């Protein structure tokens, strides 16, 4: 078994613990997720200090990806290393990972209690977001992007869509950033994604500005 978590002991993330926290990955624990690179998210609760399953603990979202070859395992470990270096108030917090040979690969993130911005704009929410909340979300989103763009040799983020903008209990915007594609772009080592969001400088000049 391979497991780990940023600033935590390696044994903190065990498959049996994740199963207990998510009620054995029950269907009623599935959380809405439209990200093309993630199969499913399962909601669970853990103790914030010990990372042990706890009914009264902190909410987590556990994503499950199949890991059926050494290549895919290497790819996901590269994602883990990348996520482990990112920490910002406007990014969804990455808590850790767990994997067994020939078993699914688990990534654990903080749970976003208010869901995605997409669910509030286009979903079935009864009340529209007040304008002051929308402005707050826009500012938080911009701050998250500015942080990603400030990282030297950072991957190019083309995945900014409303379902990747998550909201906590206070409607603080948190970008769900999971860059999983592997091809590099010429001269910069930037990773490919979809062209949902791209700075004007890249389209016109082939370069970007932070």
N, C-alpha and C. Protein backbone atom coordinates (compact mmCIF):
# COMPACT_ATOMS: atom_id res chain seq x y z
N UNK A 1 0.84 -1.20 0.00
CA UNK A 1 0.00 0.00 0.00
C UNK A 1 0.86 1.24 0.00
N UNK A 2 0.46 2.21 -0.78
CA UNK A 2 1.12 3.50 -0.77
C UNK A 2 0.10 4.52 -0.31
N UNK A 3 0.50 5.34 0.63
CA UNK A 3 -0.42 6.36 1.12
C UNK A 3 0.36 7.56 1.57
N UNK A 4 -0.31 8.69 1.64
CA UNK A 4 0.38 9.88 2.08
C UNK A 4 -0.55 11.04 2.20
N UNK A 5 -0.08 12.05 2.91
CA UNK A 5 -0.85 13.28 3.06
C UNK A 5 0.11 14.39 3.39
N UNK A 6 -0.16 15.56 2.87
CA UNK A 6 0.71 16.70 3.12
C UNK A 6 0.70 17.02 4.61
N UNK A 7 1.89 17.09 5.20
CA UNK A 7 2.08 17.43 6.59
C UNK A 7 1.39 16.45 7.54
N UNK A 8 1.22 15.19 7.12
CA UNK A 8 0.63 14.17 7.97
C UNK A 8 1.47 12.91 7.85
N UNK A 9 1.29 12.00 8.81
CA UNK A 9 2.00 10.74 8.75
C UNK A 9 1.43 9.90 7.61
N UNK A 10 2.30 9.05 7.01
CA UNK A 10 1.88 8.28 5.85
C UNK A 10 0.74 7.31 6.17
N UNK A 11 0.68 6.81 7.41
CA UNK A 11 -0.36 5.87 7.75
C UNK A 11 -1.72 6.53 7.95
N UNK A 12 -1.76 7.86 7.87
CA UNK A 12 -3.02 8.56 8.09
C UNK A 12 -4.07 8.17 7.06
N UNK A 13 -3.65 7.97 5.81
CA UNK A 13 -4.60 7.64 4.76
C UNK A 13 -4.54 6.16 4.45
N UNK A 14 -5.47 5.42 5.00
CA UNK A 14 -5.58 4.00 4.75
C UNK A 14 -6.91 3.73 4.06
N UNK A 15 -6.93 2.74 3.18
CA UNK A 15 -8.15 2.44 2.46
C UNK A 15 -9.29 2.09 3.41
N UNK A 16 -8.99 1.33 4.46
CA UNK A 16 -10.05 0.96 5.40
C UNK A 16 -10.64 2.19 6.09
N UNK A 17 -9.79 3.20 6.35
CA UNK A 17 -10.28 4.43 6.95
C UNK A 17 -11.16 5.21 6.01
N UNK A 18 -10.77 5.26 4.72
CA UNK A 18 -11.58 5.96 3.73
C UNK A 18 -12.92 5.26 3.53
N UNK A 19 -12.91 3.94 3.56
CA UNK A 19 -14.16 3.19 3.43
C UNK A 19 -15.10 3.50 4.59
N UNK A 20 -14.53 3.56 5.79
CA UNK A 20 -15.36 3.84 6.96
C UNK A 20 -15.89 5.27 6.91
N UNK A 21 -15.04 6.20 6.51
CA UNK A 21 -15.45 7.61 6.46
C UNK A 21 -16.55 7.86 5.44
N UNK A 22 -16.56 7.07 4.36
CA UNK A 22 -17.55 7.26 3.29
C UNK A 22 -18.64 6.20 3.32
N UNK A 23 -18.74 5.45 4.44
CA UNK A 23 -19.74 4.38 4.56
C UNK A 23 -19.58 3.36 3.43
N UNK A 24 -18.32 2.94 3.23
CA UNK A 24 -17.98 1.95 2.21
C UNK A 24 -18.36 2.44 0.81
N UNK A 25 -18.16 3.74 0.59
CA UNK A 25 -18.42 4.34 -0.71
C UNK A 25 -19.86 4.07 -1.17
N UNK A 26 -20.79 4.30 -0.26
CA UNK A 26 -22.20 4.10 -0.58
C UNK A 26 -22.67 5.08 -1.64
N UNK A 27 -23.66 4.65 -2.40
CA UNK A 27 -24.16 5.48 -3.50
C UNK A 27 -24.73 6.80 -3.00
N UNK A 28 -25.32 6.80 -1.80
CA UNK A 28 -25.89 8.04 -1.28
C UNK A 28 -24.82 9.01 -0.79
N UNK A 29 -23.55 8.60 -0.84
CA UNK A 29 -22.44 9.49 -0.50
C UNK A 29 -21.79 10.11 -1.73
N UNK A 30 -22.30 9.80 -2.91
CA UNK A 30 -21.73 10.36 -4.14
C UNK A 30 -22.05 11.85 -4.22
N UNK A 31 -21.02 12.64 -4.53
CA UNK A 31 -21.15 14.09 -4.63
C UNK A 31 -21.11 14.47 -6.11
N UNK A 32 -21.88 15.47 -6.47
CA UNK A 32 -21.90 15.97 -7.84
C UNK A 32 -20.50 16.31 -8.31
N UNK A 33 -20.14 15.82 -9.49
CA UNK A 33 -18.84 16.15 -10.07
C UNK A 33 -18.93 16.03 -11.58
N UNK A 34 -18.55 17.10 -12.29
CA UNK A 34 -18.59 17.09 -13.75
C UNK A 34 -17.20 17.13 -14.36
N UNK A 35 -16.16 17.05 -13.53
CA UNK A 35 -14.80 17.12 -14.06
C UNK A 35 -14.50 15.88 -14.88
N UNK A 36 -14.01 16.07 -16.11
CA UNK A 36 -13.77 14.95 -17.02
C UNK A 36 -12.73 13.97 -16.51
N UNK A 37 -11.86 14.39 -15.62
CA UNK A 37 -10.75 13.55 -15.19
C UNK A 37 -11.06 12.78 -13.91
N UNK A 38 -12.22 13.02 -13.31
CA UNK A 38 -12.57 12.37 -12.06
C UNK A 38 -13.82 11.54 -12.25
N UNK A 39 -13.76 10.28 -11.84
CA UNK A 39 -14.91 9.40 -12.01
C UNK A 39 -16.03 9.77 -11.04
N UNK A 40 -15.73 9.75 -9.74
CA UNK A 40 -16.74 10.07 -8.73
C UNK A 40 -16.08 10.69 -7.52
N UNK A 41 -16.88 11.45 -6.78
CA UNK A 41 -16.49 11.94 -5.47
C UNK A 41 -17.43 11.33 -4.44
N UNK A 42 -16.86 10.92 -3.30
CA UNK A 42 -17.67 10.42 -2.20
C UNK A 42 -17.43 11.30 -0.98
N UNK A 43 -18.52 11.70 -0.35
CA UNK A 43 -18.43 12.54 0.84
C UNK A 43 -18.17 11.69 2.06
N UNK A 44 -17.30 12.19 2.95
CA UNK A 44 -17.01 11.51 4.20
C UNK A 44 -16.66 12.51 5.28
N UNK A 45 -16.38 12.00 6.47
CA UNK A 45 -16.02 12.87 7.59
C UNK A 45 -14.84 12.27 8.34
N UNK A 46 -13.86 13.12 8.66
CA UNK A 46 -12.68 12.67 9.39
C UNK A 46 -12.37 13.65 10.52
N UNK A 47 -11.62 13.17 11.49
CA UNK A 47 -11.11 14.04 12.54
C UNK A 47 -10.00 14.90 11.95
N UNK A 48 -10.09 16.19 12.14
CA UNK A 48 -9.13 17.11 11.51
C UNK A 48 -7.72 16.92 12.02
N UNK A 49 -7.56 16.42 13.25
CA UNK A 49 -6.24 16.24 13.84
C UNK A 49 -5.64 14.88 13.53
N UNK A 50 -6.43 13.82 13.70
CA UNK A 50 -5.91 12.46 13.54
C UNK A 50 -6.15 11.87 12.15
N UNK A 51 -7.04 12.50 11.39
CA UNK A 51 -7.45 12.01 10.08
C UNK A 51 -8.21 10.70 10.16
N UNK A 52 -8.66 10.33 11.34
CA UNK A 52 -9.46 9.12 11.52
C UNK A 52 -10.92 9.41 11.20
N UNK A 53 -11.68 8.41 10.74
CA UNK A 53 -13.10 8.62 10.46
C UNK A 53 -13.83 9.14 11.69
N UNK A 54 -14.69 10.14 11.51
CA UNK A 54 -15.41 10.74 12.63
C UNK A 54 -16.72 11.34 12.14
N UNK A 55 -17.84 10.96 12.75
CA UNK A 55 -19.14 11.47 12.34
C UNK A 55 -19.25 12.97 12.52
N UNK A 56 -18.58 13.48 13.55
CA UNK A 56 -18.65 14.91 13.85
C UNK A 56 -17.43 15.66 13.32
N UNK A 57 -16.71 15.04 12.40
CA UNK A 57 -15.45 15.61 11.93
C UNK A 57 -15.60 16.55 10.75
N UNK A 58 -14.47 16.79 10.11
CA UNK A 58 -14.39 17.67 8.95
C UNK A 58 -14.83 16.94 7.69
N UNK A 59 -15.57 17.63 6.82
CA UNK A 59 -16.02 17.02 5.59
C UNK A 59 -14.89 16.84 4.58
N UNK A 60 -14.87 15.69 3.92
CA UNK A 60 -13.89 15.43 2.88
C UNK A 60 -14.61 14.93 1.62
N UNK A 61 -13.95 15.07 0.49
CA UNK A 61 -14.44 14.54 -0.77
C UNK A 61 -13.36 13.62 -1.32
N UNK A 62 -13.70 12.34 -1.48
CA UNK A 62 -12.74 11.33 -1.93
C UNK A 62 -13.02 10.99 -3.38
N UNK A 63 -12.06 11.24 -4.25
CA UNK A 63 -12.22 10.89 -5.66
C UNK A 63 -11.58 9.53 -5.92
N UNK A 64 -12.20 8.77 -6.82
CA UNK A 64 -11.76 7.41 -7.10
C UNK A 64 -11.41 7.30 -8.57
N UNK A 65 -10.15 6.96 -8.85
CA UNK A 65 -9.71 6.76 -10.22
C UNK A 65 -9.11 5.37 -10.36
N UNK A 66 -9.42 4.69 -11.46
CA UNK A 66 -8.85 3.37 -11.68
C UNK A 66 -7.36 3.50 -11.97
N UNK A 67 -6.60 2.57 -11.44
CA UNK A 67 -5.15 2.57 -11.61
C UNK A 67 -4.76 1.19 -12.12
N UNK A 68 -4.84 0.97 -13.44
CA UNK A 68 -4.72 -0.37 -13.98
C UNK A 68 -3.41 -0.62 -14.71
N UNK A 69 -2.45 0.28 -14.61
CA UNK A 69 -1.15 0.05 -15.23
C UNK A 69 -0.10 0.87 -14.51
N UNK A 70 1.16 0.48 -14.67
CA UNK A 70 2.24 1.22 -14.01
C UNK A 70 2.31 2.65 -14.54
N UNK A 71 1.95 2.82 -15.80
CA UNK A 71 1.96 4.16 -16.38
C UNK A 71 0.94 5.05 -15.68
N UNK A 72 -0.27 4.58 -15.49
CA UNK A 72 -1.29 5.40 -14.85
C UNK A 72 -0.94 5.68 -13.40
N UNK A 73 -0.29 4.73 -12.72
CA UNK A 73 0.14 4.97 -11.34
C UNK A 73 1.18 6.08 -11.31
N UNK A 74 2.13 6.04 -12.23
CA UNK A 74 3.14 7.09 -12.30
C UNK A 74 2.50 8.45 -12.59
N UNK A 75 1.51 8.44 -13.46
CA UNK A 75 0.82 9.68 -13.79
C UNK A 75 0.14 10.27 -12.56
N UNK A 76 -0.57 9.43 -11.81
CA UNK A 76 -1.28 9.93 -10.63
C UNK A 76 -0.32 10.36 -9.54
N UNK A 77 0.82 9.70 -9.42
CA UNK A 77 1.80 10.13 -8.43
C UNK A 77 2.37 11.49 -8.80
N UNK A 78 2.50 11.75 -10.10
CA UNK A 78 2.95 13.08 -10.54
C UNK A 78 1.91 14.13 -10.17
N UNK A 79 0.63 13.79 -10.30
CA UNK A 79 -0.43 14.70 -9.89
C UNK A 79 -0.34 14.96 -8.39
N UNK A 80 -0.11 13.91 -7.61
CA UNK A 80 0.01 14.05 -6.15
C UNK A 80 1.14 15.00 -5.79
N UNK A 81 2.28 14.84 -6.45
CA UNK A 81 3.42 15.72 -6.15
C UNK A 81 3.09 17.17 -6.50
N UNK A 82 2.39 17.35 -7.60
CA UNK A 82 2.02 18.70 -8.01
C UNK A 82 1.03 19.32 -7.03
N UNK A 83 0.01 18.57 -6.67
CA UNK A 83 -1.00 19.08 -5.74
C UNK A 83 -0.42 19.37 -4.37
N UNK A 84 0.56 18.55 -3.96
CA UNK A 84 1.17 18.73 -2.64
C UNK A 84 1.96 20.01 -2.51
N UNK A 85 2.28 20.65 -3.63
CA UNK A 85 3.04 21.89 -3.60
C UNK A 85 2.14 23.13 -3.65
N UNK A 86 0.83 22.90 -3.79
CA UNK A 86 -0.09 24.02 -3.93
C UNK A 86 -0.87 24.25 -2.64
N UNK A 87 -0.81 25.45 -2.14
CA UNK A 87 -1.56 25.79 -0.93
C UNK A 87 -1.98 27.26 -1.02
N UNK A 88 -3.28 27.47 -1.08
CA UNK A 88 -3.81 28.84 -1.17
C UNK A 88 -5.25 28.83 -0.69
N UNK A 89 -5.68 29.92 -0.10
CA UNK A 89 -7.03 30.00 0.45
C UNK A 89 -8.12 29.89 -0.61
N UNK A 90 -7.76 30.12 -1.86
CA UNK A 90 -8.75 30.04 -2.94
C UNK A 90 -8.55 28.83 -3.84
N UNK A 91 -7.87 27.80 -3.32
CA UNK A 91 -7.79 26.50 -3.98
C UNK A 91 -8.40 25.46 -3.05
N UNK A 92 -9.11 24.49 -3.62
CA UNK A 92 -9.61 23.38 -2.81
C UNK A 92 -8.42 22.66 -2.21
N UNK A 93 -8.43 22.50 -0.90
CA UNK A 93 -7.29 21.94 -0.19
C UNK A 93 -7.13 20.45 -0.46
N UNK A 94 -5.95 20.05 -0.94
CA UNK A 94 -5.62 18.64 -1.15
C UNK A 94 -5.09 18.06 0.16
N UNK A 95 -5.73 17.00 0.64
CA UNK A 95 -5.37 16.42 1.93
C UNK A 95 -4.46 15.21 1.84
N UNK A 96 -4.58 14.42 0.79
CA UNK A 96 -3.72 13.25 0.69
C UNK A 96 -4.21 12.26 -0.35
N UNK A 97 -3.58 11.09 -0.37
CA UNK A 97 -3.90 10.07 -1.36
C UNK A 97 -3.71 8.68 -0.76
N UNK A 98 -4.22 7.67 -1.46
CA UNK A 98 -4.00 6.30 -1.04
C UNK A 98 -4.15 5.40 -2.25
N UNK A 99 -3.31 4.37 -2.34
CA UNK A 99 -3.36 3.46 -3.47
C UNK A 99 -2.79 2.10 -3.09
N UNK A 100 -3.43 1.04 -3.57
CA UNK A 100 -2.90 -0.31 -3.49
C UNK A 100 -2.67 -0.80 -4.91
N UNK A 101 -1.74 -1.76 -5.05
CA UNK A 101 -1.47 -2.32 -6.37
C UNK A 101 -2.75 -2.92 -6.95
N UNK A 102 -3.00 -2.60 -8.24
CA UNK A 102 -4.16 -3.12 -8.96
C UNK A 102 -5.49 -2.73 -8.33
N UNK A 103 -5.49 -1.64 -7.59
CA UNK A 103 -6.72 -1.14 -6.97
C UNK A 103 -6.91 0.32 -7.38
N UNK A 104 -8.09 0.89 -7.14
CA UNK A 104 -8.29 2.30 -7.48
C UNK A 104 -7.33 3.21 -6.74
N UNK A 105 -7.12 4.38 -7.31
CA UNK A 105 -6.27 5.41 -6.72
C UNK A 105 -7.20 6.44 -6.10
N UNK A 106 -6.98 6.77 -4.84
CA UNK A 106 -7.85 7.69 -4.11
C UNK A 106 -7.14 9.02 -3.88
N UNK A 107 -7.81 10.12 -4.21
CA UNK A 107 -7.35 11.45 -3.88
C UNK A 107 -8.36 12.06 -2.91
N UNK A 108 -7.86 12.70 -1.85
CA UNK A 108 -8.74 13.23 -0.81
C UNK A 108 -8.61 14.75 -0.74
N UNK A 109 -9.74 15.42 -0.83
CA UNK A 109 -9.79 16.88 -0.79
C UNK A 109 -10.75 17.33 0.31
N UNK A 110 -10.64 18.60 0.69
CA UNK A 110 -11.63 19.15 1.59
C UNK A 110 -12.98 19.18 0.88
N UNK A 111 -14.04 19.07 1.66
CA UNK A 111 -15.39 19.08 1.09
C UNK A 111 -15.90 20.51 0.97
N UNK A 112 -16.50 20.82 -0.17
CA UNK A 112 -17.04 22.16 -0.41
C UNK A 112 -18.54 22.13 -0.12
N UNK A 113 -18.94 22.69 1.01
CA UNK A 113 -20.30 22.52 1.52
C UNK A 113 -21.36 23.17 0.64
N UNK A 114 -21.03 24.23 -0.06
CA UNK A 114 -22.01 24.90 -0.90
C UNK A 114 -21.97 24.43 -2.35
N UNK A 115 -21.17 23.41 -2.63
CA UNK A 115 -21.14 22.86 -3.98
C UNK A 115 -20.41 23.76 -4.97
N UNK A 116 -20.73 23.57 -6.24
CA UNK A 116 -20.06 24.33 -7.29
C UNK A 116 -20.86 25.59 -7.64
N UNK A 117 -20.16 26.55 -8.23
CA UNK A 117 -20.84 27.76 -8.70
C UNK A 117 -21.86 27.41 -9.77
N UNK A 118 -21.55 26.42 -10.58
CA UNK A 118 -22.44 25.97 -11.63
C UNK A 118 -23.81 25.56 -11.07
N UNK A 119 -23.81 24.87 -9.93
CA UNK A 119 -25.07 24.41 -9.35
C UNK A 119 -25.93 25.56 -8.87
N UNK A 120 -25.31 26.68 -8.54
CA UNK A 120 -26.07 27.85 -8.10
C UNK A 120 -26.57 28.69 -9.28
N UNK A 121 -25.81 28.71 -10.35
CA UNK A 121 -26.19 29.53 -11.51
C UNK A 121 -27.16 28.78 -12.42
N UNK A 122 -26.89 27.50 -12.67
CA UNK A 122 -27.70 26.74 -13.61
C UNK A 122 -28.45 25.58 -12.97
N UNK A 123 -28.24 25.36 -11.68
CA UNK A 123 -28.86 24.23 -11.01
C UNK A 123 -30.27 24.52 -10.52
N UNK A 124 -30.65 23.76 -9.49
CA UNK A 124 -32.02 23.84 -8.98
C UNK A 124 -32.10 24.64 -7.68
N UNK A 125 -31.08 25.44 -7.41
CA UNK A 125 -31.12 26.26 -6.21
C UNK A 125 -32.30 27.24 -6.30
N UNK A 126 -33.08 27.31 -5.22
CA UNK A 126 -34.30 28.12 -5.24
C UNK A 126 -34.00 29.62 -5.21
N UNK A 127 -32.95 30.01 -4.50
CA UNK A 127 -32.65 31.43 -4.37
C UNK A 127 -31.41 31.79 -5.19
N UNK A 128 -31.52 32.88 -5.93
CA UNK A 128 -30.37 33.36 -6.70
C UNK A 128 -29.33 33.95 -5.76
N UNK A 129 -28.07 33.84 -6.15
CA UNK A 129 -27.00 34.39 -5.33
C UNK A 129 -27.08 35.91 -5.34
N UNK A 130 -27.01 36.56 -4.17
CA UNK A 130 -27.00 38.03 -4.12
C UNK A 130 -25.76 38.55 -4.84
N UNK A 131 -25.85 39.78 -5.33
CA UNK A 131 -24.74 40.34 -6.09
C UNK A 131 -23.47 40.48 -5.26
N UNK A 132 -23.61 40.79 -3.97
CA UNK A 132 -22.41 40.90 -3.15
C UNK A 132 -21.69 39.56 -3.01
N UNK A 133 -22.45 38.45 -3.01
CA UNK A 133 -21.84 37.13 -2.98
C UNK A 133 -21.18 36.83 -4.32
N UNK A 134 -21.81 37.21 -5.39
CA UNK A 134 -21.22 36.99 -6.72
C UNK A 134 -19.90 37.74 -6.88
N UNK A 135 -19.88 38.96 -6.39
CA UNK A 135 -18.63 39.74 -6.45
C UNK A 135 -17.56 39.07 -5.60
N UNK A 136 -17.94 38.59 -4.42
CA UNK A 136 -17.00 37.89 -3.55
C UNK A 136 -16.43 36.66 -4.24
N UNK A 137 -17.28 35.92 -4.92
CA UNK A 137 -16.84 34.72 -5.64
C UNK A 137 -15.90 35.10 -6.78
N UNK A 138 -16.23 36.17 -7.51
CA UNK A 138 -15.39 36.61 -8.63
C UNK A 138 -14.00 37.02 -8.14
N UNK A 139 -13.95 37.73 -7.02
CA UNK A 139 -12.66 38.17 -6.47
C UNK A 139 -11.85 36.97 -6.02
N UNK A 140 -12.49 36.02 -5.33
CA UNK A 140 -11.79 34.83 -4.87
C UNK A 140 -11.26 34.00 -6.02
N UNK A 141 -12.06 33.89 -7.09
CA UNK A 141 -11.63 33.15 -8.28
C UNK A 141 -10.41 33.81 -8.90
N UNK A 142 -10.44 35.13 -9.02
CA UNK A 142 -9.30 35.87 -9.58
C UNK A 142 -8.05 35.69 -8.73
N UNK A 143 -8.21 35.68 -7.42
CA UNK A 143 -7.06 35.50 -6.53
C UNK A 143 -6.48 34.10 -6.67
N UNK A 144 -7.34 33.10 -6.83
CA UNK A 144 -6.85 31.74 -7.04
C UNK A 144 -6.09 31.61 -8.34
N UNK A 145 -6.62 32.20 -9.41
CA UNK A 145 -5.93 32.17 -10.70
C UNK A 145 -4.60 32.92 -10.64
N UNK A 146 -4.60 34.07 -9.97
CA UNK A 146 -3.37 34.85 -9.85
C UNK A 146 -2.29 34.04 -9.14
N UNK A 147 -2.70 33.28 -8.12
CA UNK A 147 -1.73 32.43 -7.42
C UNK A 147 -1.16 31.36 -8.36
N UNK A 148 -2.03 30.68 -9.10
CA UNK A 148 -1.56 29.65 -10.02
C UNK A 148 -0.63 30.23 -11.07
N UNK A 149 -0.96 31.41 -11.57
CA UNK A 149 -0.13 32.04 -12.60
C UNK A 149 1.20 32.56 -12.04
N UNK A 150 1.27 32.71 -10.73
CA UNK A 150 2.50 33.23 -10.12
C UNK A 150 3.55 32.15 -9.90
N UNK A 151 3.15 30.89 -10.03
CA UNK A 151 4.07 29.79 -9.79
C UNK A 151 4.99 29.61 -10.99
N UNK A 152 6.27 29.56 -10.73
CA UNK A 152 7.24 29.37 -11.80
C UNK A 152 7.03 28.03 -12.48
N UNK A 153 6.98 28.03 -13.82
CA UNK A 153 6.78 26.83 -14.62
C UNK A 153 5.50 26.10 -14.23
N UNK A 154 4.50 26.86 -13.83
CA UNK A 154 3.24 26.24 -13.43
C UNK A 154 2.51 25.68 -14.65
N UNK A 155 1.71 24.61 -14.47
CA UNK A 155 0.91 24.10 -15.58
C UNK A 155 -0.07 25.15 -16.05
N UNK A 156 -0.37 25.13 -17.33
CA UNK A 156 -1.31 26.09 -17.90
C UNK A 156 -2.73 25.67 -17.54
N UNK A 157 -3.46 26.55 -16.90
CA UNK A 157 -4.81 26.23 -16.47
C UNK A 157 -5.82 26.60 -17.54
N UNK A 158 -6.38 25.60 -18.22
CA UNK A 158 -7.42 25.84 -19.21
C UNK A 158 -8.75 25.27 -18.72
N UNK A 159 -8.84 24.96 -17.46
CA UNK A 159 -10.01 24.27 -16.95
C UNK A 159 -10.90 25.14 -16.08
N UNK A 160 -10.85 26.45 -16.25
CA UNK A 160 -11.69 27.33 -15.45
C UNK A 160 -13.11 27.34 -16.00
N UNK A 161 -13.96 26.60 -15.34
CA UNK A 161 -15.39 26.58 -15.65
C UNK A 161 -16.14 26.65 -14.34
N UNK A 162 -17.42 26.97 -14.40
CA UNK A 162 -18.16 27.20 -13.16
C UNK A 162 -18.26 25.95 -12.29
N UNK A 163 -18.24 24.77 -12.88
CA UNK A 163 -18.31 23.58 -12.02
C UNK A 163 -16.96 23.25 -11.39
N UNK A 164 -15.90 23.98 -11.78
CA UNK A 164 -14.60 23.83 -11.11
C UNK A 164 -14.36 24.92 -10.07
N UNK A 165 -15.32 25.79 -9.90
CA UNK A 165 -15.25 26.81 -8.85
C UNK A 165 -16.15 26.35 -7.71
N UNK A 166 -15.54 25.90 -6.63
CA UNK A 166 -16.27 25.37 -5.49
C UNK A 166 -16.47 26.45 -4.43
N UNK A 167 -17.49 26.26 -3.61
CA UNK A 167 -17.85 27.25 -2.60
C UNK A 167 -17.90 26.61 -1.22
N UNK A 168 -17.26 27.26 -0.24
CA UNK A 168 -17.33 26.75 1.12
C UNK A 168 -18.57 27.31 1.82
N UNK A 169 -18.67 27.10 3.11
CA UNK A 169 -19.87 27.51 3.85
C UNK A 169 -20.08 29.02 3.85
N UNK A 170 -19.00 29.78 3.69
CA UNK A 170 -19.10 31.24 3.66
C UNK A 170 -19.09 31.78 2.23
N UNK A 171 -19.27 30.90 1.26
CA UNK A 171 -19.27 31.26 -0.16
C UNK A 171 -17.93 31.81 -0.61
N UNK A 172 -16.85 31.36 0.01
CA UNK A 172 -15.52 31.67 -0.49
C UNK A 172 -15.23 30.78 -1.69
N UNK A 173 -14.74 31.36 -2.77
CA UNK A 173 -14.44 30.60 -3.97
C UNK A 173 -13.16 29.81 -3.80
N UNK A 174 -13.20 28.54 -4.21
CA UNK A 174 -12.03 27.67 -4.16
C UNK A 174 -11.95 26.91 -5.48
N UNK A 175 -10.87 27.12 -6.22
CA UNK A 175 -10.72 26.45 -7.50
C UNK A 175 -10.35 24.99 -7.29
N UNK A 176 -11.08 24.12 -7.98
CA UNK A 176 -10.70 22.71 -7.98
C UNK A 176 -9.74 22.50 -9.12
N UNK A 177 -8.46 22.31 -8.78
CA UNK A 177 -7.39 22.28 -9.77
C UNK A 177 -6.80 20.89 -9.82
N UNK A 178 -7.14 20.15 -10.88
CA UNK A 178 -6.62 18.79 -11.02
C UNK A 178 -6.15 18.61 -12.45
N UNK A 179 -4.90 19.03 -12.71
CA UNK A 179 -4.32 18.95 -14.05
C UNK A 179 -3.76 17.55 -14.25
N UNK A 180 -4.43 16.74 -15.09
CA UNK A 180 -4.03 15.35 -15.23
C UNK A 180 -3.49 14.98 -16.59
N UNK A 181 -3.54 15.89 -17.56
CA UNK A 181 -3.02 15.56 -18.88
C UNK A 181 -1.52 15.73 -18.91
N UNK A 182 -0.85 15.02 -19.81
CA UNK A 182 0.60 14.85 -19.68
C UNK A 182 1.46 15.50 -20.75
N UNK A 183 0.91 15.80 -21.93
CA UNK A 183 1.75 16.32 -23.00
C UNK A 183 2.24 17.72 -22.69
N UNK A 184 3.47 18.01 -23.11
CA UNK A 184 4.04 19.33 -22.85
C UNK A 184 3.92 20.21 -24.08
N UNK A 185 3.80 21.49 -23.84
CA UNK A 185 3.81 22.45 -24.93
C UNK A 185 5.24 22.92 -25.16
N UNK A 186 5.50 23.35 -26.37
CA UNK A 186 6.86 23.69 -26.78
C UNK A 186 7.48 24.75 -25.87
N UNK A 187 8.72 24.50 -25.44
CA UNK A 187 9.60 25.43 -24.74
C UNK A 187 9.20 25.77 -23.30
N UNK A 188 7.97 25.46 -22.88
CA UNK A 188 7.56 25.86 -21.55
C UNK A 188 7.22 24.70 -20.64
N UNK A 189 7.07 23.50 -21.21
CA UNK A 189 6.72 22.37 -20.38
C UNK A 189 5.35 22.52 -19.76
N UNK A 190 4.47 23.29 -20.41
CA UNK A 190 3.13 23.50 -19.87
C UNK A 190 2.23 22.36 -20.31
N UNK A 191 1.36 21.95 -19.42
CA UNK A 191 0.53 20.78 -19.69
C UNK A 191 -0.76 21.16 -20.41
N UNK A 192 -1.20 20.26 -21.25
CA UNK A 192 -2.40 20.52 -22.03
C UNK A 192 -3.66 20.30 -21.20
N UNK A 193 -4.65 21.08 -21.52
CA UNK A 193 -5.98 20.88 -20.97
C UNK A 193 -6.94 21.27 -22.07
N UNK A 194 -8.16 21.56 -21.72
CA UNK A 194 -9.08 22.04 -22.74
C UNK A 194 -9.04 23.56 -22.79
N UNK A 195 -9.49 24.13 -23.90
CA UNK A 195 -9.36 25.57 -24.11
C UNK A 195 -10.53 26.36 -23.54
N UNK A 196 -11.08 25.91 -22.41
CA UNK A 196 -12.18 26.63 -21.80
C UNK A 196 -11.74 28.01 -21.35
N UNK A 197 -10.56 28.09 -20.73
CA UNK A 197 -10.02 29.37 -20.28
C UNK A 197 -8.59 29.47 -20.76
N UNK A 198 -8.25 30.56 -21.40
CA UNK A 198 -6.89 30.76 -21.89
C UNK A 198 -6.65 32.26 -21.99
N UNK A 199 -5.49 32.69 -21.53
CA UNK A 199 -5.20 34.13 -21.54
C UNK A 199 -5.07 34.63 -22.97
N UNK A 200 -5.45 35.88 -23.25
CA UNK A 200 -5.34 36.44 -24.60
C UNK A 200 -3.92 36.42 -25.13
N UNK A 201 -2.93 36.59 -24.22
CA UNK A 201 -1.53 36.62 -24.65
C UNK A 201 -1.12 35.31 -25.30
N UNK A 202 -1.66 34.17 -24.76
CA UNK A 202 -1.28 32.88 -25.33
C UNK A 202 -1.87 32.72 -26.74
N UNK A 203 -3.11 33.15 -26.91
CA UNK A 203 -3.75 32.98 -28.20
C UNK A 203 -3.12 33.83 -29.29
N UNK A 204 -2.69 35.05 -28.95
CA UNK A 204 -2.16 35.96 -29.96
C UNK A 204 -0.66 35.88 -30.13
N UNK A 205 0.05 35.60 -29.04
CA UNK A 205 1.51 35.64 -29.07
C UNK A 205 2.17 34.30 -28.80
N UNK A 206 1.39 33.32 -28.34
CA UNK A 206 1.98 32.04 -27.99
C UNK A 206 2.69 32.09 -26.66
N UNK A 207 2.46 33.15 -25.89
CA UNK A 207 3.07 33.28 -24.57
C UNK A 207 1.99 33.69 -23.59
N UNK A 208 2.33 33.72 -22.31
CA UNK A 208 1.38 34.14 -21.30
C UNK A 208 2.05 35.11 -20.35
N UNK A 209 1.25 35.88 -19.67
CA UNK A 209 1.74 36.79 -18.65
C UNK A 209 1.16 36.37 -17.32
N UNK A 210 1.96 36.50 -16.24
CA UNK A 210 1.46 36.17 -14.91
C UNK A 210 0.75 37.38 -14.34
